N, C-alpha and C. Protein backbone atom coordinates (compact mmCIF):
# COMPACT_ATOMS: atom_id res chain seq x y z
N MET A 1 34.91 19.23 29.26
CA MET A 1 34.63 20.16 28.19
C MET A 1 35.94 20.47 27.46
N SER A 2 35.94 20.32 26.15
CA SER A 2 37.15 20.58 25.36
C SER A 2 37.40 22.07 25.26
N ASP A 3 38.61 22.45 24.83
CA ASP A 3 38.93 23.86 24.66
C ASP A 3 37.99 24.51 23.64
N ALA A 4 37.66 23.79 22.58
CA ALA A 4 36.74 24.33 21.56
C ALA A 4 35.36 24.57 22.16
N GLU A 5 34.89 23.63 22.99
CA GLU A 5 33.59 23.80 23.65
C GLU A 5 33.63 24.97 24.61
N LYS A 6 34.73 25.10 25.36
CA LYS A 6 34.87 26.23 26.29
C LYS A 6 34.85 27.54 25.53
N GLY A 7 35.57 27.60 24.42
CA GLY A 7 35.60 28.81 23.61
C GLY A 7 34.22 29.18 23.10
N GLY A 8 33.46 28.18 22.65
CA GLY A 8 32.11 28.43 22.17
C GLY A 8 31.21 28.94 23.28
N PHE A 9 31.34 28.33 24.45
CA PHE A 9 30.55 28.77 25.60
C PHE A 9 30.87 30.21 25.97
N LEU A 10 32.16 30.53 26.06
CA LEU A 10 32.56 31.89 26.42
C LEU A 10 32.09 32.90 25.39
N SER A 11 32.13 32.55 24.11
CA SER A 11 31.65 33.46 23.08
C SER A 11 30.16 33.73 23.25
N ARG A 12 29.41 32.71 23.64
CA ARG A 12 27.97 32.93 23.87
C ARG A 12 27.75 33.80 25.10
N VAL A 13 28.56 33.63 26.12
CA VAL A 13 28.37 34.38 27.36
C VAL A 13 28.82 35.83 27.22
N ILE A 14 30.03 36.04 26.70
CA ILE A 14 30.58 37.40 26.70
C ILE A 14 30.69 38.02 25.32
N GLY A 15 30.43 37.26 24.28
CA GLY A 15 30.56 37.78 22.93
C GLY A 15 32.00 37.68 22.46
N PRO A 16 32.28 38.32 21.34
CA PRO A 16 33.65 38.26 20.81
C PRO A 16 34.66 38.79 21.83
N LYS A 17 35.80 38.12 21.91
CA LYS A 17 36.81 38.47 22.92
C LYS A 17 37.27 39.92 22.80
N ARG A 18 37.42 40.41 21.58
CA ARG A 18 37.87 41.79 21.39
C ARG A 18 36.88 42.76 22.01
N ARG A 19 35.61 42.55 21.76
CA ARG A 19 34.58 43.44 22.33
C ARG A 19 34.56 43.34 23.86
N TRP A 20 34.76 42.13 24.38
CA TRP A 20 34.78 41.95 25.83
C TRP A 20 35.95 42.70 26.45
N ARG A 21 37.12 42.61 25.83
CA ARG A 21 38.30 43.31 26.35
C ARG A 21 38.09 44.83 26.30
N GLU A 22 37.50 45.31 25.21
CA GLU A 22 37.22 46.75 25.10
C GLU A 22 36.24 47.20 26.17
N TYR A 23 35.22 46.40 26.41
CA TYR A 23 34.25 46.70 27.47
C TYR A 23 34.96 46.77 28.82
N GLN A 24 35.78 45.78 29.13
CA GLN A 24 36.49 45.76 30.41
C GLN A 24 37.40 46.97 30.57
N ALA A 25 38.05 47.38 29.50
CA ALA A 25 38.91 48.56 29.56
C ALA A 25 38.08 49.81 29.86
N ARG A 26 36.91 49.90 29.29
CA ARG A 26 36.04 51.05 29.55
C ARG A 26 35.60 51.08 31.01
N VAL A 27 35.25 49.92 31.54
CA VAL A 27 34.80 49.84 32.93
C VAL A 27 35.93 50.25 33.87
N LYS A 28 37.16 49.86 33.56
CA LYS A 28 38.30 50.22 34.40
C LYS A 28 38.52 51.72 34.47
N GLN A 29 38.04 52.45 33.49
CA GLN A 29 38.22 53.90 33.46
C GLN A 29 37.17 54.66 34.28
N LEU A 30 36.15 53.96 34.72
CA LEU A 30 35.09 54.60 35.51
C LEU A 30 35.60 54.99 36.89
N PRO A 31 34.96 56.00 37.52
CA PRO A 31 35.29 56.30 38.92
C PRO A 31 35.05 55.04 39.76
N PRO A 32 35.79 54.89 40.86
CA PRO A 32 35.70 53.65 41.65
C PRO A 32 34.29 53.21 42.03
N ASN A 33 33.44 54.12 42.49
CA ASN A 33 32.11 53.69 42.92
C ASN A 33 31.25 53.26 41.73
N HIS A 34 31.38 53.93 40.59
CA HIS A 34 30.64 53.51 39.40
C HIS A 34 31.18 52.18 38.88
N ARG A 35 32.48 51.99 38.93
CA ARG A 35 33.09 50.72 38.50
C ARG A 35 32.59 49.58 39.38
N THR A 36 32.55 49.80 40.68
CA THR A 36 32.06 48.77 41.60
C THR A 36 30.62 48.39 41.27
N ALA A 37 29.80 49.39 41.00
CA ALA A 37 28.40 49.13 40.65
C ALA A 37 28.29 48.34 39.35
N VAL A 38 29.04 48.74 38.33
CA VAL A 38 29.00 48.03 37.05
C VAL A 38 29.46 46.59 37.23
N GLU A 39 30.52 46.38 37.97
CA GLU A 39 31.03 45.02 38.18
C GLU A 39 30.00 44.16 38.92
N ALA A 40 29.30 44.74 39.86
CA ALA A 40 28.27 43.99 40.59
C ALA A 40 27.10 43.65 39.65
N ILE A 41 26.68 44.60 38.84
CA ILE A 41 25.59 44.35 37.90
C ILE A 41 26.03 43.33 36.85
N GLU A 42 27.25 43.46 36.38
CA GLU A 42 27.81 42.51 35.40
C GLU A 42 27.76 41.09 35.95
N ARG A 43 28.22 40.92 37.18
CA ARG A 43 28.22 39.58 37.82
C ARG A 43 26.79 39.03 37.87
N TYR A 44 25.84 39.88 38.20
CA TYR A 44 24.45 39.46 38.28
C TYR A 44 23.91 39.12 36.88
N LEU A 45 24.25 39.94 35.90
CA LEU A 45 23.74 39.73 34.54
C LEU A 45 24.25 38.43 33.92
N MET A 46 25.35 37.91 34.43
CA MET A 46 25.88 36.65 33.89
C MET A 46 24.88 35.51 34.04
N HIS A 47 23.89 35.68 34.92
CA HIS A 47 22.85 34.66 35.09
C HIS A 47 21.78 34.76 34.01
N PHE A 48 21.83 35.83 33.22
CA PHE A 48 20.79 36.10 32.24
C PHE A 48 21.32 36.23 30.82
N VAL A 49 22.55 35.86 30.59
CA VAL A 49 23.18 36.15 29.30
C VAL A 49 22.35 35.64 28.13
N PRO A 50 22.23 36.48 27.10
CA PRO A 50 21.54 36.05 25.89
C PRO A 50 22.28 34.87 25.26
N THR A 51 21.59 34.18 24.38
CA THR A 51 22.17 32.98 23.79
C THR A 51 23.16 33.28 22.67
N ASP A 52 23.17 34.48 22.15
CA ASP A 52 24.17 34.77 21.11
C ASP A 52 25.15 35.82 21.60
N GLY A 53 26.39 35.69 21.16
CA GLY A 53 27.47 36.54 21.63
C GLY A 53 27.27 38.01 21.32
N ASP A 54 26.69 38.33 20.16
CA ASP A 54 26.49 39.74 19.81
C ASP A 54 25.53 40.42 20.77
N SER A 55 24.47 39.73 21.15
CA SER A 55 23.52 40.31 22.11
C SER A 55 24.19 40.50 23.47
N SER A 56 24.98 39.52 23.89
CA SER A 56 25.70 39.64 25.16
C SER A 56 26.65 40.83 25.14
N ALA A 57 27.43 40.93 24.06
CA ALA A 57 28.39 42.03 23.95
C ALA A 57 27.66 43.36 23.96
N SER A 58 26.56 43.45 23.23
CA SER A 58 25.79 44.70 23.19
C SER A 58 25.25 45.06 24.57
N MET A 59 24.80 44.06 25.30
CA MET A 59 24.25 44.31 26.63
C MET A 59 25.32 44.92 27.54
N PHE A 60 26.51 44.33 27.56
CA PHE A 60 27.56 44.85 28.43
C PHE A 60 28.07 46.20 27.94
N GLU A 61 28.15 46.39 26.64
CA GLU A 61 28.57 47.70 26.11
C GLU A 61 27.57 48.78 26.48
N ASP A 62 26.29 48.46 26.41
CA ASP A 62 25.26 49.43 26.80
C ASP A 62 25.32 49.75 28.29
N LEU A 63 25.65 48.75 29.08
CA LEU A 63 25.83 48.99 30.52
C LEU A 63 26.97 49.97 30.75
N ALA A 64 28.08 49.76 30.04
CA ALA A 64 29.23 50.68 30.14
C ALA A 64 28.83 52.07 29.68
N ASP A 65 28.10 52.17 28.56
CA ASP A 65 27.63 53.47 28.06
C ASP A 65 26.84 54.21 29.14
N LEU A 66 25.91 53.51 29.75
CA LEU A 66 25.05 54.10 30.76
C LEU A 66 25.87 54.67 31.93
N PHE A 67 26.81 53.89 32.42
CA PHE A 67 27.59 54.33 33.58
C PHE A 67 28.65 55.36 33.21
N GLU A 68 29.17 55.30 31.99
CA GLU A 68 30.11 56.34 31.55
C GLU A 68 29.40 57.69 31.49
N GLN A 69 28.21 57.70 30.92
CA GLN A 69 27.45 58.95 30.83
C GLN A 69 27.06 59.45 32.21
N ALA A 70 26.64 58.55 33.06
CA ALA A 70 26.27 58.94 34.43
C ALA A 70 27.46 59.52 35.17
N ALA A 71 28.63 58.90 35.03
CA ALA A 71 29.83 59.40 35.70
C ALA A 71 30.19 60.78 35.15
N ALA A 72 30.10 60.96 33.84
CA ALA A 72 30.42 62.25 33.22
C ALA A 72 29.46 63.34 33.70
N ASP A 73 28.21 62.96 33.92
CA ASP A 73 27.19 63.92 34.36
C ASP A 73 27.17 64.10 35.88
N GLY A 74 27.94 63.27 36.60
CA GLY A 74 27.93 63.33 38.05
C GLY A 74 26.67 62.73 38.67
N THR A 75 26.04 61.82 37.95
CA THR A 75 24.81 61.20 38.43
C THR A 75 25.12 60.15 39.49
N PRO A 76 24.53 60.28 40.68
CA PRO A 76 24.74 59.28 41.73
C PRO A 76 24.21 57.90 41.31
N ILE A 77 24.81 56.88 41.83
CA ILE A 77 24.45 55.50 41.48
C ILE A 77 22.98 55.22 41.75
N ARG A 78 22.47 55.68 42.87
CA ARG A 78 21.06 55.41 43.19
C ARG A 78 20.11 56.06 42.18
N GLU A 79 20.52 57.13 41.53
CA GLU A 79 19.68 57.72 40.49
C GLU A 79 19.70 56.87 39.24
N ILE A 80 20.72 56.06 39.07
CA ILE A 80 20.80 55.16 37.92
C ILE A 80 19.99 53.89 38.19
N VAL A 81 20.27 53.23 39.31
CA VAL A 81 19.68 51.93 39.59
C VAL A 81 18.44 51.99 40.46
N GLY A 82 18.19 53.11 41.11
CA GLY A 82 17.04 53.21 41.98
C GLY A 82 17.26 52.50 43.31
N ASP A 83 16.18 52.30 44.02
CA ASP A 83 16.28 51.66 45.34
C ASP A 83 16.41 50.15 45.27
N ASP A 84 16.05 49.57 44.13
CA ASP A 84 16.09 48.11 44.00
C ASP A 84 16.99 47.71 42.83
N PRO A 85 18.27 47.46 43.10
CA PRO A 85 19.18 47.12 42.01
C PRO A 85 18.82 45.83 41.29
N VAL A 86 18.17 44.91 41.96
CA VAL A 86 17.74 43.67 41.32
C VAL A 86 16.70 43.98 40.26
N GLU A 87 15.74 44.81 40.60
CA GLU A 87 14.71 45.20 39.63
C GLU A 87 15.36 45.93 38.44
N PHE A 88 16.31 46.83 38.73
CA PHE A 88 17.02 47.53 37.65
C PHE A 88 17.68 46.53 36.71
N ALA A 89 18.45 45.59 37.26
CA ALA A 89 19.20 44.64 36.45
C ALA A 89 18.26 43.74 35.65
N GLU A 90 17.19 43.29 36.26
CA GLU A 90 16.27 42.40 35.56
C GLU A 90 15.50 43.15 34.47
N THR A 91 15.19 44.42 34.69
CA THR A 91 14.55 45.23 33.66
C THR A 91 15.54 45.51 32.52
N PHE A 92 16.77 45.83 32.88
CA PHE A 92 17.82 46.11 31.90
C PHE A 92 18.01 44.91 30.97
N VAL A 93 18.11 43.73 31.53
CA VAL A 93 18.41 42.53 30.74
C VAL A 93 17.25 42.11 29.85
N LYS A 94 16.05 42.52 30.17
CA LYS A 94 14.89 42.15 29.34
C LYS A 94 15.02 42.68 27.92
N ASN A 95 15.83 43.71 27.72
CA ASN A 95 16.04 44.24 26.38
C ASN A 95 16.89 43.32 25.52
N TYR A 96 17.53 42.35 26.12
CA TYR A 96 18.51 41.52 25.43
C TYR A 96 18.21 40.03 25.46
N SER A 97 17.33 39.59 26.34
CA SER A 97 17.18 38.16 26.55
C SER A 97 15.84 37.86 27.17
N GLU A 98 15.46 36.61 27.04
CA GLU A 98 14.30 36.12 27.76
C GLU A 98 14.61 36.06 29.26
N GLY A 99 15.89 36.04 29.57
CA GLY A 99 16.30 36.04 30.97
C GLY A 99 16.41 34.64 31.53
N GLY A 100 16.74 34.59 32.79
CA GLY A 100 16.90 33.34 33.51
C GLY A 100 16.47 33.58 34.93
N TYR A 101 16.91 32.76 35.77
CA TYR A 101 16.56 32.92 37.18
C TYR A 101 17.83 33.14 37.98
N ALA A 102 17.86 34.22 38.71
CA ALA A 102 19.01 34.50 39.57
C ALA A 102 18.68 34.01 40.98
N PRO A 103 19.55 33.21 41.54
CA PRO A 103 19.32 32.73 42.90
C PRO A 103 19.25 33.88 43.91
N ALA A 104 18.56 33.64 44.99
CA ALA A 104 18.41 34.65 46.03
C ALA A 104 19.77 35.15 46.52
N ARG A 105 20.74 34.28 46.58
CA ARG A 105 22.08 34.68 47.03
C ARG A 105 22.65 35.75 46.10
N GLU A 106 22.46 35.59 44.80
CA GLU A 106 22.96 36.57 43.84
C GLU A 106 22.19 37.88 43.94
N ARG A 107 20.91 37.80 44.23
CA ARG A 107 20.11 39.02 44.41
C ARG A 107 20.64 39.82 45.61
N GLU A 108 20.90 39.13 46.70
CA GLU A 108 21.43 39.79 47.90
C GLU A 108 22.83 40.34 47.65
N ARG A 109 23.64 39.59 46.93
CA ARG A 109 25.00 40.03 46.61
C ARG A 109 24.98 41.32 45.80
N LEU A 110 24.08 41.40 44.82
CA LEU A 110 23.96 42.61 44.01
C LEU A 110 23.48 43.78 44.86
N THR A 111 22.47 43.56 45.66
CA THR A 111 21.93 44.62 46.51
C THR A 111 22.99 45.17 47.46
N SER A 112 23.76 44.30 48.06
CA SER A 112 24.82 44.72 48.99
C SER A 112 25.93 45.48 48.26
N ALA A 113 26.33 45.00 47.09
CA ALA A 113 27.40 45.67 46.34
C ALA A 113 26.98 47.07 45.91
N ILE A 114 25.74 47.23 45.48
CA ILE A 114 25.26 48.55 45.06
C ILE A 114 25.18 49.47 46.28
N ALA A 115 24.76 48.95 47.41
CA ALA A 115 24.70 49.77 48.63
C ALA A 115 26.10 50.29 48.99
N ARG A 116 27.10 49.42 48.88
CA ARG A 116 28.48 49.85 49.15
C ARG A 116 28.93 50.89 48.13
N ALA A 117 28.66 50.63 46.86
CA ALA A 117 29.08 51.55 45.80
C ALA A 117 28.36 52.89 45.93
N ALA A 118 27.08 52.87 46.23
CA ALA A 118 26.31 54.10 46.35
C ALA A 118 26.73 54.91 47.57
N GLY A 119 27.30 54.25 48.55
CA GLY A 119 27.79 54.97 49.73
C GLY A 119 28.86 55.98 49.37
N GLY A 120 29.57 55.76 48.28
CA GLY A 120 30.59 56.67 47.82
C GLY A 120 30.04 57.88 47.09
N ASP A 121 28.73 57.89 46.78
CA ASP A 121 28.15 59.00 46.04
C ASP A 121 28.28 60.33 46.76
N ASP A 122 28.14 60.32 48.08
CA ASP A 122 28.20 61.56 48.83
C ASP A 122 29.55 62.26 48.66
N LYS A 123 30.59 61.47 48.44
CA LYS A 123 31.94 62.02 48.32
C LYS A 123 32.24 62.53 46.92
N THR A 124 31.51 62.01 45.91
CA THR A 124 31.85 62.34 44.52
C THR A 124 30.90 63.35 43.89
N VAL A 125 29.77 63.60 44.50
CA VAL A 125 28.80 64.51 43.88
C VAL A 125 28.61 65.72 44.74
């Protein structure tokens, strides 16, 4: 894959680089348990990325918005994602894409990461 092809692929996956960097900076400002949850959901959502960069960027920005507001309000992670983080992520992504198929390994990885992140809720709320 040429550099131009790689650049085109990345733009489709994450959207414009400037928006991606701004999103990442916002996520870094979240409390550790919320940041861990967002990063786990982000990793999972990469299996469902919309075909155009603007939709992808909007999806990740909306994810950051959701967790920033939840952190500001002191909302525990489980109140955001519920008991099934896979269902949350797949419902969330339906607003942006037809979706794809996430392998069972990725479903388990997301569930485990949210369980670890939610474990910190007792200390922060």
